[in-house]
Protein backbone atom coordinates (compact mmCIF):
# COMPACT_ATOMS: atom_id res chain seq x y z
CA UNK A 1 18.92 -38.68 34.83
CA UNK A 2 17.14 -35.98 33.34
CA UNK A 3 17.90 -36.03 29.57
CA UNK A 4 17.48 -38.54 26.88
CA UNK A 5 19.46 -38.75 23.41
CA UNK A 6 17.76 -40.51 20.82
CA UNK A 7 19.46 -40.85 17.53
CA UNK A 8 17.86 -42.05 14.37
CA UNK A 9 18.15 -41.34 10.60
CA UNK A 10 14.77 -40.01 8.85
CA UNK A 11 15.26 -41.61 5.68
CA UNK A 12 15.39 -45.09 7.25
CA UNK A 13 18.29 -46.68 5.82
CA UNK A 14 18.99 -50.03 5.78
CA UNK A 15 22.51 -49.75 7.22
CA UNK A 16 23.61 -47.09 9.40
CA UNK A 17 26.33 -46.06 11.66
CA UNK A 18 26.49 -43.32 14.31
CA UNK A 19 29.39 -41.77 16.15
CA UNK A 20 29.18 -39.54 18.93
CA UNK A 21 31.74 -37.62 21.15
CA UNK A 22 30.10 -36.72 24.36
CA UNK A 23 32.49 -34.03 26.57
CA UNK A 24 31.59 -32.78 29.96
CA UNK A 25 32.40 -29.00 30.37
CA UNK A 26 32.37 -26.56 32.68
CA UNK A 27 30.35 -23.28 31.98
CA UNK A 28 32.07 -20.88 29.79
CA UNK A 29 34.85 -23.56 28.62
CA UNK A 30 34.89 -24.71 24.86
CA UNK A 31 34.61 -28.26 23.82
CA UNK A 32 38.03 -30.04 22.41
CA UNK A 33 37.92 -30.17 18.37
CA UNK A 34 37.15 -33.69 16.99
CA UNK A 35 38.14 -34.77 13.74
CA UNK A 36 36.92 -37.86 11.75
CA UNK A 37 39.42 -40.71 11.33
CA UNK A 38 38.80 -43.09 8.34
CA UNK A 39 41.20 -45.96 7.19
CA UNK A 40 43.00 -45.32 3.74
CA UNK A 41 43.64 -48.93 3.32
CA UNK A 42 43.00 -52.52 4.44
CA UNK A 43 40.10 -53.18 6.71
CA UNK A 44 37.73 -50.53 6.67
CA UNK A 45 37.80 -48.54 10.14
CA UNK A 46 35.95 -45.33 11.30
CA UNK A 47 36.75 -43.20 14.32
CA UNK A 48 37.57 -39.91 15.90
CA UNK A 49 40.59 -38.15 17.12
CA UNK A 50 39.98 -35.72 20.14
CA UNK A 51 42.05 -34.53 22.99
CA UNK A 52 45.30 -36.16 21.84
CA UNK A 53 43.50 -39.82 21.27
CA UNK A 54 42.22 -41.61 18.36
CA UNK A 55 39.49 -44.42 18.59
CA UNK A 56 38.74 -46.50 15.83
CA UNK A 57 35.81 -48.99 15.11
CA UNK A 58 35.65 -51.66 12.38
CA UNK A 59 33.08 -50.36 9.86
CA UNK A 60 31.51 -53.88 9.62
CA UNK A 61 31.34 -55.82 12.67
CA UNK A 62 32.63 -59.45 12.42
CA UNK A 63 34.65 -58.43 9.31
CA UNK A 64 38.23 -60.24 8.96
CA UNK A 65 40.97 -58.00 9.89
CA UNK A 66 43.55 -57.77 7.14
CA UNK A 67 45.28 -54.69 8.58
CA UNK A 68 44.59 -50.95 8.37
CA UNK A 69 46.56 -47.51 7.67
CA UNK A 70 45.10 -44.25 8.60
CA UNK A 71 46.52 -40.77 9.25
CA UNK A 72 46.03 -38.97 12.44
CA UNK A 73 46.58 -35.73 13.72
CA UNK A 74 50.26 -35.03 14.69
CA UNK A 75 49.60 -34.42 18.55
CA UNK A 76 47.58 -37.85 18.74
CA UNK A 77 49.62 -39.78 21.58
CA UNK A 78 47.20 -42.50 22.19
CA UNK A 79 45.56 -44.67 19.62
CA UNK A 80 42.80 -47.30 20.42
CA UNK A 81 41.87 -49.79 18.05
CA UNK A 82 38.67 -51.87 18.67
CA UNK A 83 37.17 -54.83 17.29
CA UNK A 84 40.09 -56.92 16.96
CA UNK A 85 40.92 -60.23 18.08
CA UNK A 86 40.94 -60.50 21.90
CA UNK A 87 44.75 -61.34 22.78
CA UNK A 88 45.65 -60.88 19.31
CA UNK A 89 49.27 -60.22 18.22
CA UNK A 90 49.86 -56.92 15.91
CA UNK A 91 52.67 -54.76 14.74
CA UNK A 92 52.17 -51.12 14.57
CA UNK A 93 54.22 -48.70 12.54
CA UNK A 94 54.04 -44.75 13.24
CA UNK A 95 55.75 -42.33 11.03
CA UNK A 96 55.31 -38.63 11.30
CA UNK A 97 54.86 -36.40 8.18
CA UNK A 98 53.67 -32.81 7.22
CA UNK A 99 50.11 -34.03 6.74
CA UNK A 100 49.91 -35.88 10.09
CA UNK A 101 51.10 -39.09 11.72
CA UNK A 102 50.47 -42.22 9.44
CA UNK A 103 49.83 -45.42 11.45
CA UNK A 104 49.79 -49.04 10.00
CA UNK A 105 48.58 -51.81 11.89
CA UNK A 106 49.40 -55.51 10.54
CA UNK A 107 48.57 -58.83 11.92
CA UNK A 108 51.51 -60.37 14.14
CA UNK A 109 53.98 -58.68 16.24
CA UNK A 110 55.04 -57.33 19.70
CA UNK A 111 51.86 -55.32 20.50
CA UNK A 112 48.68 -57.29 21.72
CA UNK A 113 45.01 -56.66 21.89
CA UNK A 114 43.23 -57.02 25.48
CA UNK A 115 40.72 -59.51 26.38
CA UNK A 116 38.09 -57.25 24.51
CA UNK A 117 39.91 -57.02 21.49
CA UNK A 118 41.07 -53.19 22.17
CA UNK A 119 44.76 -52.69 20.94
CA UNK A 120 46.24 -49.58 22.67
CA UNK A 121 49.20 -47.88 21.27
CA UNK A 122 51.06 -45.01 23.22
CA UNK A 123 53.20 -42.62 21.01
CA UNK A 124 55.93 -40.55 23.24
């Protein structure tokens, strides 16, 4: 390994979160655009949309999940929500609109998180 990435805040905050999207590129190619995604209701989640995928993480680890809603780009076809109960059951509603795709995740339903607490939803 030739490089090391070190990330820290110069202000030394008591609480900090960093989200990095790393992309490997061929010379002369351009990186995919990245969009910040934050939940608009329910349990606070934050993450990013890149290359038709959305990945969300809980803002506070260990927070009790009470559901969440967020708006994703209209081309997002894969949604990965992390930090959920392993094997937990969830209901997901996806509605298209002018400002993007509205996604709502609730407790109970036909979708299951995997053993690591990640819920993956594919939109066709």
